Structures are given as structure tokens and as C-alpha cells.
Amino acid sequence: MASNTIGADGIIIRDARSRYRTAQREEAGAHGAYEGELRRGGGSPRSDVAVTRVDAPAYVAELLGEGGEVVLRARRMYDGDRLVQLADTHIPVDVATAAGIEQVDTGVGGIISRMREAGYDQGEEATEDVELRESTAAEAEALNLQPGELVLSITHVGRTQDGRVVEVTRHTLGRGWKLRYAVPLT
């Protein structure tokens, strides 16, 4: 099964072909995809997490089909002491409440496992849009970049079987990443 790797040069290959599968997210007690994949690749994952309620940013409101308050899980994700990505997850308040994911530690498998247990299973597929864009001042400072330096931005959208968006995560990646995807040819 595909898995993320970390090369001798420190490049992290983010393998989207399998990272969200339950077995990958929960392997060896991992608390989500990032922790599981980095451990498999020989890394030392850790995350600083802040959980708050905020008004949905415009792009999130558009994806959710509604504005208003959402739960924001803002994460700084590290490999050892090296900050390698920022990840902001926006979740509808009713989903976050039902799934019990307004605390910092969401347990084995992370928020996707808690949502599934609460009846908000993200099903067979998620959508990820990848964009190369200029970093914001805050992103540049956090990721040790020059202001306006380019970052990879992955917007992950998780939907239930009936099409309801229950998660919008924007991953912001600085230097040192390679993305791997698979596409059907038939």
C-alpha cells in the first residue's frame, strides 16, 4: 500500500492515494493521517493545535453552502522541530459537537474517525484542489519564507454520502514537499 516517505534530502512525499484510509489514519494508535504517514516515513510527527469558533471565511462558506460560525482547528504540524505545514480545518458546529471534536486531542484516527462514529462518514472519496499561491505574511513568518514566497495550498473537502460538506481543510506547505496522486485511466 502506498505511504508517505521522507527522503534523505528531507523532502516529504505526500501520497494522496492512501493517506485518508482508516487503517492508515489509525495505524499504531496514530491520531490522524499526518501522524500515521510521517511515522511510516521515519519522521517524528507532532502538532500544535488550537480549537476555536470563528465566522466561516468566504471560501469555506461557499463550500459549505452557508455562512456563520464554524469550528476551526488550526494546526502547526512538525517533523521533529521542523515546521512543515500549516493546516486549518473548518467544521460545521453541529458536526463538531456531535463528533466531540472541539477538544485538542481527538483520539486515534483523528476527526475523520470521530465524524464517522457520529454518523458523518466521509464515504469513499474526498476532493483536493492544489494551488500554487503567494504566502500571506503570517504563513511566510511561520514557515520561514520570504514574504510573498510561493506555497502549495491543498484544499481538502470531505463530504458525506449524501453530499453534505463536513470538513474543509486548507493545508499550506512550504519548501520540501512533493505531492503524489493517482488517476484512473479508464
N, C-alpha and C. Protein backbone atom coordinates (compact mmCIF):
# COMPACT_ATOMS: atom_id res chain seq x y z
N MET A 1 0.84 -1.18 0.00
CA MET A 1 0.00 0.00 0.00
C MET A 1 0.89 1.24 0.00
N ALA A 2 0.52 2.23 -0.76
CA ALA A 2 1.30 3.47 -0.85
C ALA A 2 1.38 4.14 0.51
N SER A 3 2.45 4.85 0.74
CA SER A 3 2.63 5.55 2.00
C SER A 3 3.56 6.73 1.79
N ASN A 4 3.44 7.70 2.66
CA ASN A 4 4.35 8.84 2.56
C ASN A 4 5.76 8.41 2.94
N THR A 5 6.72 9.11 2.37
CA THR A 5 8.11 8.84 2.67
C THR A 5 8.82 10.16 2.91
N ILE A 6 9.95 10.07 3.56
CA ILE A 6 10.82 11.22 3.74
C ILE A 6 12.18 10.82 3.18
N GLY A 7 12.63 11.53 2.15
CA GLY A 7 13.90 11.21 1.51
C GLY A 7 15.08 11.66 2.33
N ALA A 8 16.26 11.21 1.96
CA ALA A 8 17.49 11.61 2.62
C ALA A 8 17.68 13.12 2.56
N ASP A 9 17.09 13.74 1.52
CA ASP A 9 17.19 15.19 1.37
C ASP A 9 16.13 15.94 2.19
N GLY A 10 15.31 15.19 2.96
CA GLY A 10 14.28 15.81 3.80
C GLY A 10 12.97 16.09 3.10
N ILE A 11 12.88 15.78 1.81
CA ILE A 11 11.64 16.01 1.06
C ILE A 11 10.59 15.02 1.53
N ILE A 12 9.40 15.53 1.86
CA ILE A 12 8.28 14.68 2.26
C ILE A 12 7.41 14.45 1.04
N ILE A 13 7.20 13.18 0.71
CA ILE A 13 6.29 12.85 -0.38
C ILE A 13 4.94 12.55 0.25
N ARG A 14 3.95 13.40 -0.05
CA ARG A 14 2.59 13.25 0.47
C ARG A 14 1.81 12.42 -0.53
N ASP A 15 1.55 11.17 -0.17
CA ASP A 15 0.92 10.23 -1.09
C ASP A 15 -0.58 10.19 -0.85
N ALA A 16 -1.31 10.92 -1.68
CA ALA A 16 -2.75 11.06 -1.50
C ALA A 16 -3.52 9.81 -1.87
N ARG A 17 -2.86 8.80 -2.40
CA ARG A 17 -3.57 7.59 -2.81
C ARG A 17 -4.11 6.80 -1.63
N SER A 18 -3.55 6.98 -0.45
CA SER A 18 -3.98 6.14 0.67
C SER A 18 -4.04 6.85 2.02
N ARG A 19 -3.65 8.09 2.11
CA ARG A 19 -3.45 8.72 3.41
C ARG A 19 -4.70 8.81 4.27
N TYR A 20 -5.88 8.84 3.67
CA TYR A 20 -7.11 9.01 4.46
C TYR A 20 -7.79 7.70 4.81
N ARG A 21 -7.26 6.58 4.35
CA ARG A 21 -7.88 5.30 4.68
C ARG A 21 -7.80 5.08 6.19
N THR A 22 -8.85 4.47 6.74
CA THR A 22 -8.93 4.25 8.19
C THR A 22 -7.69 3.54 8.71
N ALA A 23 -7.27 2.49 8.05
CA ALA A 23 -6.10 1.73 8.52
C ALA A 23 -4.86 2.62 8.58
N GLN A 24 -4.70 3.53 7.64
CA GLN A 24 -3.55 4.43 7.62
C GLN A 24 -3.67 5.47 8.74
N ARG A 25 -4.87 6.05 8.91
CA ARG A 25 -5.08 7.10 9.92
C ARG A 25 -4.94 6.58 11.34
N GLU A 26 -5.27 5.29 11.55
CA GLU A 26 -5.31 4.73 12.90
C GLU A 26 -4.14 3.80 13.21
N GLU A 27 -3.25 3.58 12.23
CA GLU A 27 -2.14 2.63 12.39
C GLU A 27 -1.31 2.95 13.63
N ALA A 28 -1.10 1.92 14.45
CA ALA A 28 -0.26 2.02 15.67
C ALA A 28 -0.73 3.15 16.59
N GLY A 29 -2.06 3.40 16.61
CA GLY A 29 -2.61 4.41 17.51
C GLY A 29 -2.47 5.84 17.04
N ALA A 30 -2.14 6.03 15.76
CA ALA A 30 -1.98 7.39 15.22
C ALA A 30 -3.27 8.19 15.39
N HIS A 31 -3.11 9.48 15.61
CA HIS A 31 -4.25 10.38 15.80
C HIS A 31 -4.57 11.13 14.51
N GLY A 32 -4.49 10.45 13.38
CA GLY A 32 -4.83 11.06 12.10
C GLY A 32 -3.83 10.72 11.02
N ALA A 33 -4.16 11.16 9.80
CA ALA A 33 -3.36 10.82 8.63
C ALA A 33 -1.92 11.32 8.75
N TYR A 34 -1.73 12.56 9.18
CA TYR A 34 -0.38 13.14 9.24
C TYR A 34 0.52 12.34 10.17
N GLU A 35 0.03 12.04 11.36
CA GLU A 35 0.84 11.31 12.32
C GLU A 35 1.19 9.91 11.80
N GLY A 36 0.19 9.22 11.25
CA GLY A 36 0.44 7.88 10.72
C GLY A 36 1.42 7.89 9.57
N GLU A 37 1.24 8.81 8.61
CA GLU A 37 2.10 8.82 7.43
C GLU A 37 3.53 9.23 7.78
N LEU A 38 3.70 10.19 8.66
CA LEU A 38 5.06 10.61 8.99
C LEU A 38 5.81 9.52 9.76
N ARG A 39 5.10 8.84 10.66
CA ARG A 39 5.74 7.72 11.36
C ARG A 39 6.19 6.65 10.37
N ARG A 40 5.31 6.29 9.42
CA ARG A 40 5.66 5.28 8.42
C ARG A 40 6.87 5.71 7.61
N GLY A 41 7.01 7.00 7.38
CA GLY A 41 8.14 7.50 6.60
C GLY A 41 9.40 7.72 7.41
N GLY A 42 9.36 7.40 8.70
CA GLY A 42 10.54 7.54 9.54
C GLY A 42 10.66 8.88 10.22
N GLY A 43 9.61 9.70 10.15
CA GLY A 43 9.64 11.02 10.77
C GLY A 43 9.19 11.01 12.22
N SER A 44 9.23 12.19 12.82
CA SER A 44 8.82 12.39 14.21
C SER A 44 7.70 13.43 14.24
N PRO A 45 6.46 12.99 14.02
CA PRO A 45 5.36 13.95 13.93
C PRO A 45 4.95 14.52 15.28
N ARG A 46 4.59 15.78 15.24
CA ARG A 46 3.92 16.42 16.37
C ARG A 46 3.14 17.59 15.83
N SER A 47 2.12 17.99 16.55
CA SER A 47 1.28 19.10 16.12
C SER A 47 0.94 19.99 17.29
N ASP A 48 0.91 21.29 17.04
CA ASP A 48 0.35 22.25 17.99
C ASP A 48 -1.03 22.58 17.45
N VAL A 49 -2.06 22.43 18.29
CA VAL A 49 -3.45 22.57 17.85
C VAL A 49 -4.15 23.63 18.70
N ALA A 50 -4.86 24.53 18.02
CA ALA A 50 -5.73 25.49 18.69
C ALA A 50 -7.14 25.30 18.12
N VAL A 51 -8.13 25.20 19.01
CA VAL A 51 -9.51 24.99 18.58
C VAL A 51 -10.35 26.17 19.05
N THR A 52 -11.04 26.80 18.09
CA THR A 52 -11.89 27.95 18.39
C THR A 52 -13.12 27.91 17.50
N ARG A 53 -14.05 28.78 17.79
CA ARG A 53 -15.19 29.01 16.89
C ARG A 53 -14.98 30.37 16.24
N VAL A 54 -15.18 30.40 14.92
CA VAL A 54 -14.97 31.62 14.13
C VAL A 54 -16.07 31.74 13.08
N ASP A 55 -16.21 32.92 12.51
CA ASP A 55 -17.08 33.07 11.35
C ASP A 55 -16.38 32.41 10.17
N ALA A 56 -17.14 31.67 9.39
CA ALA A 56 -16.57 30.96 8.24
C ALA A 56 -15.98 31.96 7.24
N PRO A 57 -14.70 31.76 6.85
CA PRO A 57 -14.16 32.59 5.77
C PRO A 57 -14.99 32.38 4.50
N ALA A 58 -14.93 33.31 3.58
CA ALA A 58 -15.77 33.26 2.38
C ALA A 58 -15.61 31.95 1.61
N TYR A 59 -14.36 31.48 1.42
CA TYR A 59 -14.17 30.24 0.64
C TYR A 59 -14.79 29.04 1.35
N VAL A 60 -14.77 29.02 2.69
CA VAL A 60 -15.36 27.94 3.45
C VAL A 60 -16.88 28.02 3.38
N ALA A 61 -17.42 29.21 3.56
CA ALA A 61 -18.88 29.39 3.48
C ALA A 61 -19.40 28.94 2.12
N GLU A 62 -18.66 29.26 1.07
CA GLU A 62 -19.07 28.85 -0.28
C GLU A 62 -19.09 27.32 -0.40
N LEU A 63 -18.07 26.65 0.12
CA LEU A 63 -18.03 25.19 0.04
C LEU A 63 -19.08 24.54 0.92
N LEU A 64 -19.34 25.14 2.09
CA LEU A 64 -20.36 24.59 3.00
C LEU A 64 -21.78 24.87 2.51
N GLY A 65 -21.91 25.90 1.67
CA GLY A 65 -23.24 26.29 1.22
C GLY A 65 -23.97 27.16 2.23
N GLU A 66 -23.23 27.64 3.23
CA GLU A 66 -23.80 28.51 4.26
C GLU A 66 -22.68 29.22 5.00
N GLY A 67 -23.00 30.38 5.52
CA GLY A 67 -22.03 31.13 6.32
C GLY A 67 -22.28 30.88 7.79
N GLY A 68 -21.80 31.78 8.60
CA GLY A 68 -22.00 31.66 10.04
C GLY A 68 -20.81 31.05 10.73
N GLU A 69 -21.05 30.65 11.96
CA GLU A 69 -19.99 30.15 12.82
C GLU A 69 -19.60 28.70 12.47
N VAL A 70 -18.30 28.44 12.51
CA VAL A 70 -17.75 27.09 12.32
C VAL A 70 -16.69 26.85 13.39
N VAL A 71 -16.35 25.60 13.58
CA VAL A 71 -15.24 25.24 14.46
C VAL A 71 -13.97 25.24 13.61
N LEU A 72 -12.95 25.93 14.09
CA LEU A 72 -11.65 25.98 13.42
C LEU A 72 -10.65 25.21 14.26
N ARG A 73 -10.02 24.23 13.63
CA ARG A 73 -8.89 23.51 14.23
C ARG A 73 -7.66 23.98 13.48
N ALA A 74 -6.91 24.89 14.07
CA ALA A 74 -5.70 25.46 13.45
C ALA A 74 -4.50 24.68 13.97
N ARG A 75 -3.77 24.05 13.03
CA ARG A 75 -2.65 23.20 13.42
C ARG A 75 -1.36 23.66 12.78
N ARG A 76 -0.29 23.58 13.57
CA ARG A 76 1.07 23.72 13.08
C ARG A 76 1.65 22.32 13.21
N MET A 77 2.10 21.78 12.07
CA MET A 77 2.49 20.38 12.04
C MET A 77 3.99 20.27 11.77
N TYR A 78 4.64 19.49 12.61
CA TYR A 78 6.10 19.40 12.62
C TYR A 78 6.59 18.00 12.31
N ASP A 79 7.81 17.94 11.81
CA ASP A 79 8.61 16.73 11.78
C ASP A 79 9.77 17.03 12.71
N GLY A 80 9.71 16.49 13.92
CA GLY A 80 10.68 16.87 14.95
C GLY A 80 10.48 18.33 15.30
N ASP A 81 11.54 19.13 15.15
CA ASP A 81 11.44 20.56 15.44
C ASP A 81 11.16 21.40 14.20
N ARG A 82 11.10 20.75 13.03
CA ARG A 82 10.92 21.47 11.77
C ARG A 82 9.43 21.61 11.44
N LEU A 83 8.94 22.85 11.39
CA LEU A 83 7.56 23.11 10.98
C LEU A 83 7.46 22.82 9.49
N VAL A 84 6.57 21.90 9.11
CA VAL A 84 6.49 21.51 7.70
C VAL A 84 5.16 21.87 7.05
N GLN A 85 4.14 22.14 7.85
CA GLN A 85 2.89 22.58 7.24
C GLN A 85 1.98 23.24 8.26
N LEU A 86 1.10 24.09 7.73
CA LEU A 86 0.01 24.67 8.49
C LEU A 86 -1.26 24.03 7.96
N ALA A 87 -2.19 23.71 8.84
CA ALA A 87 -3.43 23.09 8.39
C ALA A 87 -4.59 23.68 9.21
N ASP A 88 -5.48 24.37 8.51
CA ASP A 88 -6.67 24.94 9.14
C ASP A 88 -7.88 24.16 8.68
N THR A 89 -8.57 23.52 9.64
CA THR A 89 -9.75 22.72 9.34
C THR A 89 -10.98 23.45 9.86
N HIS A 90 -11.96 23.65 8.98
CA HIS A 90 -13.22 24.27 9.34
C HIS A 90 -14.31 23.21 9.29
N ILE A 91 -15.12 23.12 10.36
CA ILE A 91 -16.13 22.09 10.51
C ILE A 91 -17.43 22.77 10.95
N PRO A 92 -18.58 22.40 10.35
CA PRO A 92 -19.85 22.94 10.83
C PRO A 92 -20.01 22.64 12.33
N VAL A 93 -20.54 23.60 13.07
CA VAL A 93 -20.65 23.47 14.53
C VAL A 93 -21.44 22.22 14.92
N ASP A 94 -22.56 21.94 14.23
CA ASP A 94 -23.36 20.77 14.62
C ASP A 94 -22.59 19.47 14.43
N VAL A 95 -21.76 19.38 13.41
CA VAL A 95 -20.96 18.19 13.17
C VAL A 95 -19.88 18.07 14.24
N ALA A 96 -19.19 19.17 14.52
CA ALA A 96 -18.13 19.15 15.53
C ALA A 96 -18.68 18.77 16.91
N THR A 97 -19.86 19.29 17.24
CA THR A 97 -20.48 18.99 18.52
C THR A 97 -20.86 17.51 18.59
N ALA A 98 -21.53 17.01 17.56
CA ALA A 98 -21.95 15.61 17.54
C ALA A 98 -20.76 14.66 17.60
N ALA A 99 -19.66 15.03 16.93
CA ALA A 99 -18.48 14.17 16.86
C ALA A 99 -17.54 14.37 18.04
N GLY A 100 -17.79 15.38 18.88
CA GLY A 100 -16.94 15.62 20.03
C GLY A 100 -15.53 16.03 19.66
N ILE A 101 -15.39 16.91 18.67
CA ILE A 101 -14.04 17.25 18.18
C ILE A 101 -13.67 18.71 18.42
N GLU A 102 -14.23 19.29 19.48
CA GLU A 102 -13.82 20.66 19.83
C GLU A 102 -12.71 20.66 20.87
N GLN A 103 -12.22 19.49 21.27
CA GLN A 103 -11.05 19.44 22.13
C GLN A 103 -9.81 19.23 21.28
N VAL A 104 -8.66 19.49 21.85
CA VAL A 104 -7.41 19.41 21.10
C VAL A 104 -7.13 17.98 20.65
N ASP A 105 -7.20 17.01 21.56
CA ASP A 105 -6.89 15.62 21.23
C ASP A 105 -8.18 14.90 20.83
N THR A 106 -8.24 14.50 19.57
CA THR A 106 -9.46 13.84 19.07
C THR A 106 -9.32 12.32 19.05
N GLY A 107 -8.23 11.78 19.57
CA GLY A 107 -8.09 10.34 19.70
C GLY A 107 -7.59 9.66 18.44
N VAL A 108 -7.52 8.35 18.53
CA VAL A 108 -7.00 7.51 17.44
C VAL A 108 -7.83 7.74 16.17
N GLY A 109 -7.12 8.00 15.08
CA GLY A 109 -7.78 8.22 13.79
C GLY A 109 -8.16 9.65 13.52
N GLY A 110 -8.15 10.50 14.56
CA GLY A 110 -8.45 11.92 14.38
C GLY A 110 -9.90 12.23 14.07
N ILE A 111 -10.13 13.42 13.52
CA ILE A 111 -11.50 13.91 13.34
C ILE A 111 -12.31 13.09 12.34
N ILE A 112 -11.67 12.52 11.34
CA ILE A 112 -12.42 11.73 10.36
C ILE A 112 -13.02 10.50 11.02
N SER A 113 -12.27 9.87 11.92
CA SER A 113 -12.80 8.71 12.66
C SER A 113 -13.92 9.13 13.60
N ARG A 114 -13.76 10.28 14.29
CA ARG A 114 -14.82 10.73 15.20
C ARG A 114 -16.10 11.09 14.41
N MET A 115 -15.93 11.71 13.24
CA MET A 115 -17.10 12.04 12.43
C MET A 115 -17.83 10.77 11.99
N ARG A 116 -17.06 9.77 11.55
CA ARG A 116 -17.67 8.50 11.12
C ARG A 116 -18.48 7.89 12.26
N GLU A 117 -17.92 7.88 13.46
CA GLU A 117 -18.62 7.31 14.62
C GLU A 117 -19.90 8.08 14.94
N ALA A 118 -19.93 9.38 14.62
CA ALA A 118 -21.10 10.21 14.90
C ALA A 118 -22.12 10.22 13.75
N GLY A 119 -21.86 9.42 12.70
CA GLY A 119 -22.79 9.35 11.59
C GLY A 119 -22.50 10.30 10.45
N TYR A 120 -21.31 10.88 10.43
CA TYR A 120 -20.91 11.80 9.36
C TYR A 120 -19.73 11.21 8.58
N ASP A 121 -19.89 9.96 8.15
CA ASP A 121 -18.84 9.27 7.40
C ASP A 121 -18.58 10.00 6.09
N GLN A 122 -17.31 10.26 5.81
CA GLN A 122 -16.94 10.97 4.59
C GLN A 122 -16.92 10.06 3.38
N GLY A 123 -17.31 8.82 3.55
CA GLY A 123 -17.53 7.95 2.41
C GLY A 123 -16.27 7.51 1.71
N GLU A 124 -16.39 7.33 0.41
CA GLU A 124 -15.35 6.73 -0.40
C GLU A 124 -14.34 7.71 -0.98
N GLU A 125 -14.66 9.01 -0.94
CA GLU A 125 -13.84 9.95 -1.71
C GLU A 125 -13.87 11.35 -1.08
N ALA A 126 -12.75 12.03 -1.18
CA ALA A 126 -12.66 13.45 -0.82
C ALA A 126 -12.10 14.18 -2.03
N THR A 127 -12.29 15.46 -2.08
CA THR A 127 -11.76 16.28 -3.17
C THR A 127 -10.62 17.13 -2.62
N GLU A 128 -9.52 17.22 -3.37
CA GLU A 128 -8.41 18.09 -3.00
C GLU A 128 -8.03 18.94 -4.19
N ASP A 129 -8.09 20.25 -4.01
CA ASP A 129 -7.63 21.20 -5.02
C ASP A 129 -6.27 21.71 -4.59
N VAL A 130 -5.31 21.66 -5.51
CA VAL A 130 -3.94 22.09 -5.22
C VAL A 130 -3.69 23.37 -5.99
N GLU A 131 -3.13 24.35 -5.28
CA GLU A 131 -2.89 25.66 -5.88
C GLU A 131 -1.52 26.16 -5.44
N LEU A 132 -0.79 26.74 -6.35
CA LEU A 132 0.46 27.42 -6.04
C LEU A 132 0.11 28.89 -5.89
N ARG A 133 0.39 29.45 -4.72
CA ARG A 133 0.00 30.85 -4.48
C ARG A 133 1.04 31.54 -3.61
N GLU A 134 0.94 32.86 -3.56
CA GLU A 134 1.83 33.63 -2.69
C GLU A 134 1.43 33.42 -1.24
N SER A 135 2.42 33.31 -0.38
CA SER A 135 2.16 33.15 1.04
C SER A 135 1.66 34.47 1.63
N THR A 136 0.83 34.35 2.66
CA THR A 136 0.45 35.53 3.42
C THR A 136 1.62 35.89 4.33
N ALA A 137 1.59 37.05 4.94
CA ALA A 137 2.66 37.45 5.85
C ALA A 137 2.78 36.47 7.01
N ALA A 138 1.65 36.04 7.56
CA ALA A 138 1.67 35.10 8.70
C ALA A 138 2.23 33.74 8.28
N GLU A 139 1.84 33.26 7.10
CA GLU A 139 2.36 31.98 6.60
C GLU A 139 3.86 32.06 6.36
N ALA A 140 4.31 33.14 5.74
CA ALA A 140 5.74 33.32 5.46
C ALA A 140 6.54 33.32 6.75
N GLU A 141 6.06 34.03 7.75
CA GLU A 141 6.77 34.08 9.02
C GLU A 141 6.82 32.69 9.67
N ALA A 142 5.68 32.01 9.71
CA ALA A 142 5.63 30.69 10.34
C ALA A 142 6.50 29.67 9.64
N LEU A 143 6.50 29.68 8.31
CA LEU A 143 7.22 28.67 7.52
C LEU A 143 8.64 29.11 7.15
N ASN A 144 9.08 30.23 7.71
CA ASN A 144 10.43 30.74 7.46
C ASN A 144 10.68 31.00 5.97
N LEU A 145 9.73 31.71 5.36
CA LEU A 145 9.81 32.06 3.95
C LEU A 145 9.94 33.57 3.82
N GLN A 146 10.29 34.02 2.63
CA GLN A 146 10.26 35.44 2.34
C GLN A 146 8.80 35.84 2.12
N PRO A 147 8.41 37.04 2.52
CA PRO A 147 7.03 37.47 2.29
C PRO A 147 6.66 37.35 0.81
N GLY A 148 5.52 36.73 0.56
CA GLY A 148 5.06 36.55 -0.82
C GLY A 148 5.65 35.35 -1.53
N GLU A 149 6.60 34.64 -0.87
CA GLU A 149 7.17 33.44 -1.49
C GLU A 149 6.05 32.43 -1.74
N LEU A 150 6.20 31.64 -2.78
CA LEU A 150 5.16 30.71 -3.16
C LEU A 150 5.05 29.54 -2.19
N VAL A 151 3.80 29.13 -1.95
CA VAL A 151 3.50 27.95 -1.15
C VAL A 151 2.53 27.08 -1.94
N LEU A 152 2.53 25.79 -1.62
CA LEU A 152 1.49 24.91 -2.13
C LEU A 152 0.34 24.96 -1.15
N SER A 153 -0.84 25.08 -1.67
CA SER A 153 -2.04 25.12 -0.85
C SER A 153 -2.97 24.01 -1.33
N ILE A 154 -3.32 23.10 -0.43
CA ILE A 154 -4.22 21.99 -0.74
C ILE A 154 -5.51 22.22 0.03
N THR A 155 -6.61 22.36 -0.68
CA THR A 155 -7.90 22.50 -0.03
C THR A 155 -8.61 21.16 -0.12
N HIS A 156 -8.73 20.51 1.02
CA HIS A 156 -9.35 19.19 1.15
C HIS A 156 -10.81 19.40 1.55
N VAL A 157 -11.73 18.79 0.80
CA VAL A 157 -13.16 18.90 1.10
C VAL A 157 -13.71 17.49 1.32
N GLY A 158 -14.20 17.24 2.53
CA GLY A 158 -14.80 15.95 2.86
C GLY A 158 -16.31 16.07 2.88
N ARG A 159 -16.97 15.13 2.18
CA ARG A 159 -18.43 15.13 2.07
C ARG A 159 -18.98 13.78 2.55
N THR A 160 -20.19 13.82 3.09
CA THR A 160 -20.89 12.59 3.43
C THR A 160 -21.46 11.98 2.16
N GLN A 161 -21.98 10.76 2.27
CA GLN A 161 -22.56 10.07 1.11
C GLN A 161 -23.65 10.90 0.44
N ASP A 162 -24.40 11.67 1.24
CA ASP A 162 -25.50 12.48 0.66
C ASP A 162 -25.01 13.84 0.16
N GLY A 163 -23.69 14.07 0.17
CA GLY A 163 -23.12 15.28 -0.42
C GLY A 163 -22.89 16.44 0.52
N ARG A 164 -23.23 16.30 1.80
CA ARG A 164 -23.01 17.41 2.74
C ARG A 164 -21.51 17.57 3.03
N VAL A 165 -21.03 18.80 2.92
CA VAL A 165 -19.64 19.09 3.27
C VAL A 165 -19.53 19.17 4.79
N VAL A 166 -18.64 18.33 5.35
CA VAL A 166 -18.47 18.28 6.80
C VAL A 166 -17.06 18.68 7.24
N GLU A 167 -16.18 18.90 6.26
CA GLU A 167 -14.81 19.30 6.58
C GLU A 167 -14.22 20.06 5.40
N VAL A 168 -13.60 21.19 5.71
CA VAL A 168 -12.81 21.93 4.73
C VAL A 168 -11.47 22.21 5.40
N THR A 169 -10.42 21.59 4.88
CA THR A 169 -9.08 21.78 5.44
C THR A 169 -8.19 22.40 4.38
N ARG A 170 -7.53 23.48 4.75
CA ARG A 170 -6.53 24.08 3.86
C ARG A 170 -5.16 23.77 4.45
N HIS A 171 -4.41 22.93 3.73
CA HIS A 171 -3.03 22.60 4.09
C HIS A 171 -2.13 23.60 3.37
N THR A 172 -1.22 24.24 4.09
CA THR A 172 -0.27 25.17 3.49
C THR A 172 1.12 24.58 3.67
N LEU A 173 1.77 24.31 2.53
CA LEU A 173 3.06 23.64 2.54
C LEU A 173 4.13 24.57 2.01
N GLY A 174 5.22 24.69 2.75
CA GLY A 174 6.36 25.47 2.29
C GLY A 174 7.30 24.59 1.48
N ARG A 175 8.57 24.88 1.56
CA ARG A 175 9.57 24.09 0.84
C ARG A 175 9.61 22.66 1.37
N GLY A 176 10.04 21.74 0.50
CA GLY A 176 10.32 20.39 0.98
C GLY A 176 9.19 19.40 0.83
N TRP A 177 8.29 19.62 -0.12
CA TRP A 177 7.18 18.68 -0.33
C TRP A 177 7.11 18.25 -1.79
N LYS A 178 6.64 17.04 -1.99
CA LYS A 178 6.28 16.53 -3.31
C LYS A 178 4.92 15.85 -3.13
N LEU A 179 3.99 16.12 -4.03
CA LEU A 179 2.66 15.53 -3.95
C LEU A 179 2.56 14.37 -4.93
N ARG A 180 1.90 13.29 -4.50
CA ARG A 180 1.72 12.13 -5.37
C ARG A 180 0.24 11.78 -5.39
N TYR A 181 -0.31 11.67 -6.61
CA TYR A 181 -1.71 11.32 -6.81
C TYR A 181 -1.80 10.20 -7.83
N ALA A 182 -2.92 9.50 -7.87
CA ALA A 182 -3.18 8.51 -8.91
C ALA A 182 -4.50 8.89 -9.55
N VAL A 183 -4.59 8.68 -10.85
CA VAL A 183 -5.84 8.98 -11.56
C VAL A 183 -6.22 7.77 -12.40
N PRO A 184 -7.53 7.52 -12.50
CA PRO A 184 -7.95 6.38 -13.32
C PRO A 184 -7.70 6.66 -14.79
N LEU A 185 -7.34 5.63 -15.53
CA LEU A 185 -7.06 5.78 -16.96
C LEU A 185 -8.17 5.19 -17.83
N THR A 186 -9.16 4.62 -17.22
CA THR A 186 -10.26 4.03 -18.00
C THR A 186 -11.53 4.82 -17.83
